[in-house]
Amino acid sequence: MHFSLMTATPGETDLKIIKKVKDSNALIEISVLNHIIVARDGNFLFADEGSL
């Protein structure tokens, strides 16, 4: 859940974290298929939004 806004919209921290995860996983050849934010107002799937 995105605690700062209780909304499914990704914040700057979400974007920074997913970039770090993707970059570090690439070193060991693991792909990130999705990153999901679940909140009271719905959810946000990075893959569906083309954000990966």
N, C-alpha and C. Protein backbone atom coordinates (compact mmCIF):
# COMPACT_ATOMS: atom_id res chain seq x y z
N MET A 1 0.85 -1.17 0.00
CA MET A 1 0.00 0.00 0.00
C MET A 1 0.89 1.23 0.00
N HIS A 2 0.52 2.22 -0.75
CA HIS A 2 1.25 3.48 -0.81
C HIS A 2 0.79 4.32 0.36
N PHE A 3 1.53 4.25 1.46
CA PHE A 3 1.07 4.80 2.73
C PHE A 3 0.96 6.32 2.78
N SER A 4 1.75 7.02 1.99
CA SER A 4 1.73 8.48 2.10
C SER A 4 0.42 9.07 1.59
N LEU A 5 -0.19 8.46 0.60
CA LEU A 5 -1.42 9.01 0.04
C LEU A 5 -2.60 8.06 0.10
N MET A 6 -2.33 6.82 0.47
CA MET A 6 -3.36 5.77 0.46
C MET A 6 -4.02 5.66 -0.91
N THR A 7 -3.23 5.88 -1.94
CA THR A 7 -3.72 5.81 -3.31
C THR A 7 -2.83 4.87 -4.10
N ALA A 8 -3.36 4.37 -5.19
CA ALA A 8 -2.62 3.42 -6.02
C ALA A 8 -1.68 4.11 -7.01
N THR A 9 -1.56 5.40 -6.95
CA THR A 9 -0.66 6.13 -7.84
C THR A 9 0.77 6.01 -7.32
N PRO A 10 1.70 5.55 -8.17
CA PRO A 10 3.08 5.40 -7.68
C PRO A 10 3.72 6.75 -7.39
N GLY A 11 4.46 6.80 -6.31
CA GLY A 11 5.18 8.01 -5.94
C GLY A 11 6.63 7.92 -6.39
N GLU A 12 7.38 8.96 -6.13
CA GLU A 12 8.79 9.02 -6.52
C GLU A 12 9.59 7.88 -5.87
N THR A 13 9.28 7.58 -4.62
CA THR A 13 9.97 6.49 -3.93
C THR A 13 9.70 5.15 -4.61
N ASP A 14 8.46 4.91 -5.01
CA ASP A 14 8.12 3.67 -5.71
C ASP A 14 8.95 3.53 -6.99
N LEU A 15 9.05 4.62 -7.73
CA LEU A 15 9.79 4.59 -8.98
C LEU A 15 11.29 4.34 -8.75
N LYS A 16 11.84 4.95 -7.70
CA LYS A 16 13.25 4.74 -7.38
C LYS A 16 13.52 3.30 -6.95
N ILE A 17 12.63 2.76 -6.13
CA ILE A 17 12.81 1.40 -5.63
C ILE A 17 12.74 0.39 -6.77
N ILE A 18 11.75 0.52 -7.64
CA ILE A 18 11.63 -0.46 -8.72
C ILE A 18 12.82 -0.38 -9.66
N LYS A 19 13.37 0.80 -9.86
CA LYS A 19 14.57 0.93 -10.70
C LYS A 19 15.75 0.21 -10.06
N LYS A 20 15.93 0.40 -8.75
CA LYS A 20 17.03 -0.28 -8.05
C LYS A 20 16.86 -1.80 -8.08
N VAL A 21 15.64 -2.27 -7.90
CA VAL A 21 15.37 -3.71 -7.94
C VAL A 21 15.67 -4.26 -9.33
N LYS A 22 15.19 -3.57 -10.36
CA LYS A 22 15.44 -4.02 -11.73
C LYS A 22 16.93 -4.05 -12.05
N ASP A 23 17.64 -3.00 -11.68
CA ASP A 23 19.08 -2.91 -11.96
C ASP A 23 19.86 -4.00 -11.24
N SER A 24 19.56 -4.21 -9.97
CA SER A 24 20.29 -5.24 -9.22
C SER A 24 19.94 -6.64 -9.70
N ASN A 25 18.69 -6.87 -10.04
CA ASN A 25 18.29 -8.19 -10.54
C ASN A 25 18.91 -8.48 -11.90
N ALA A 26 19.14 -7.48 -12.70
CA ALA A 26 19.74 -7.68 -14.02
C ALA A 26 21.15 -8.27 -13.89
N LEU A 27 21.83 -7.94 -12.82
CA LEU A 27 23.18 -8.47 -12.59
C LEU A 27 23.18 -9.99 -12.44
N ILE A 28 22.10 -10.52 -11.92
CA ILE A 28 22.02 -11.97 -11.73
C ILE A 28 20.98 -12.59 -12.67
N GLU A 29 20.63 -11.86 -13.69
CA GLU A 29 19.75 -12.31 -14.77
C GLU A 29 18.36 -12.75 -14.29
N ILE A 30 17.78 -11.95 -13.41
CA ILE A 30 16.40 -12.16 -12.97
C ILE A 30 15.58 -10.98 -13.46
N SER A 31 14.50 -11.27 -14.16
CA SER A 31 13.64 -10.22 -14.70
C SER A 31 12.55 -9.83 -13.71
N VAL A 32 12.25 -8.56 -13.66
CA VAL A 32 11.11 -8.07 -12.88
C VAL A 32 9.92 -8.07 -13.84
N LEU A 33 8.90 -8.86 -13.53
CA LEU A 33 7.74 -8.95 -14.41
C LEU A 33 6.68 -7.92 -14.08
N ASN A 34 6.60 -7.53 -12.82
CA ASN A 34 5.60 -6.54 -12.43
C ASN A 34 5.96 -6.00 -11.05
N HIS A 35 5.37 -4.89 -10.72
CA HIS A 35 5.46 -4.25 -9.40
C HIS A 35 4.06 -3.73 -9.17
N ILE A 36 3.45 -4.14 -8.08
CA ILE A 36 2.03 -3.82 -7.85
C ILE A 36 1.88 -2.98 -6.60
N ILE A 37 1.11 -1.91 -6.72
CA ILE A 37 0.73 -1.08 -5.57
C ILE A 37 -0.74 -1.36 -5.31
N VAL A 38 -1.06 -1.76 -4.08
CA VAL A 38 -2.43 -2.03 -3.68
C VAL A 38 -2.82 -0.97 -2.66
N ALA A 39 -3.94 -0.29 -2.91
CA ALA A 39 -4.38 0.79 -2.03
C ALA A 39 -5.90 0.76 -1.88
N ARG A 40 -6.39 1.61 -1.05
CA ARG A 40 -7.85 1.67 -0.83
C ARG A 40 -8.62 2.00 -2.10
N ASP A 41 -8.05 2.84 -2.94
CA ASP A 41 -8.78 3.27 -4.13
C ASP A 41 -8.53 2.38 -5.35
N GLY A 42 -7.85 1.27 -5.18
CA GLY A 42 -7.61 0.36 -6.30
C GLY A 42 -6.18 -0.13 -6.29
N ASN A 43 -5.67 -0.44 -7.47
CA ASN A 43 -4.29 -0.90 -7.56
C ASN A 43 -3.64 -0.34 -8.81
N PHE A 44 -2.32 -0.43 -8.84
CA PHE A 44 -1.52 0.05 -9.97
C PHE A 44 -0.53 -1.04 -10.31
N LEU A 45 -0.58 -1.52 -11.54
CA LEU A 45 0.35 -2.54 -12.01
C LEU A 45 1.30 -1.88 -12.99
N PHE A 46 2.57 -1.84 -12.63
CA PHE A 46 3.57 -1.18 -13.46
C PHE A 46 3.59 -1.78 -14.87
N ALA A 47 3.48 -3.09 -14.98
CA ALA A 47 3.52 -3.74 -16.30
C ALA A 47 2.36 -3.29 -17.18
N ASP A 48 1.17 -3.18 -16.60
CA ASP A 48 0.00 -2.75 -17.37
C ASP A 48 0.13 -1.31 -17.86
N GLU A 49 0.85 -0.51 -17.11
CA GLU A 49 1.00 0.91 -17.46
C GLU A 49 2.26 1.16 -18.31
N GLY A 50 3.00 0.10 -18.62
CA GLY A 50 4.22 0.25 -19.40
C GLY A 50 5.32 0.94 -18.63
N SER A 51 5.28 0.85 -17.32
CA SER A 51 6.25 1.54 -16.47
C SER A 51 7.45 0.70 -16.08
N LEU A 52 7.54 -0.51 -16.63
CA LEU A 52 8.71 -1.34 -16.33
C LEU A 52 9.65 -1.18 -17.45
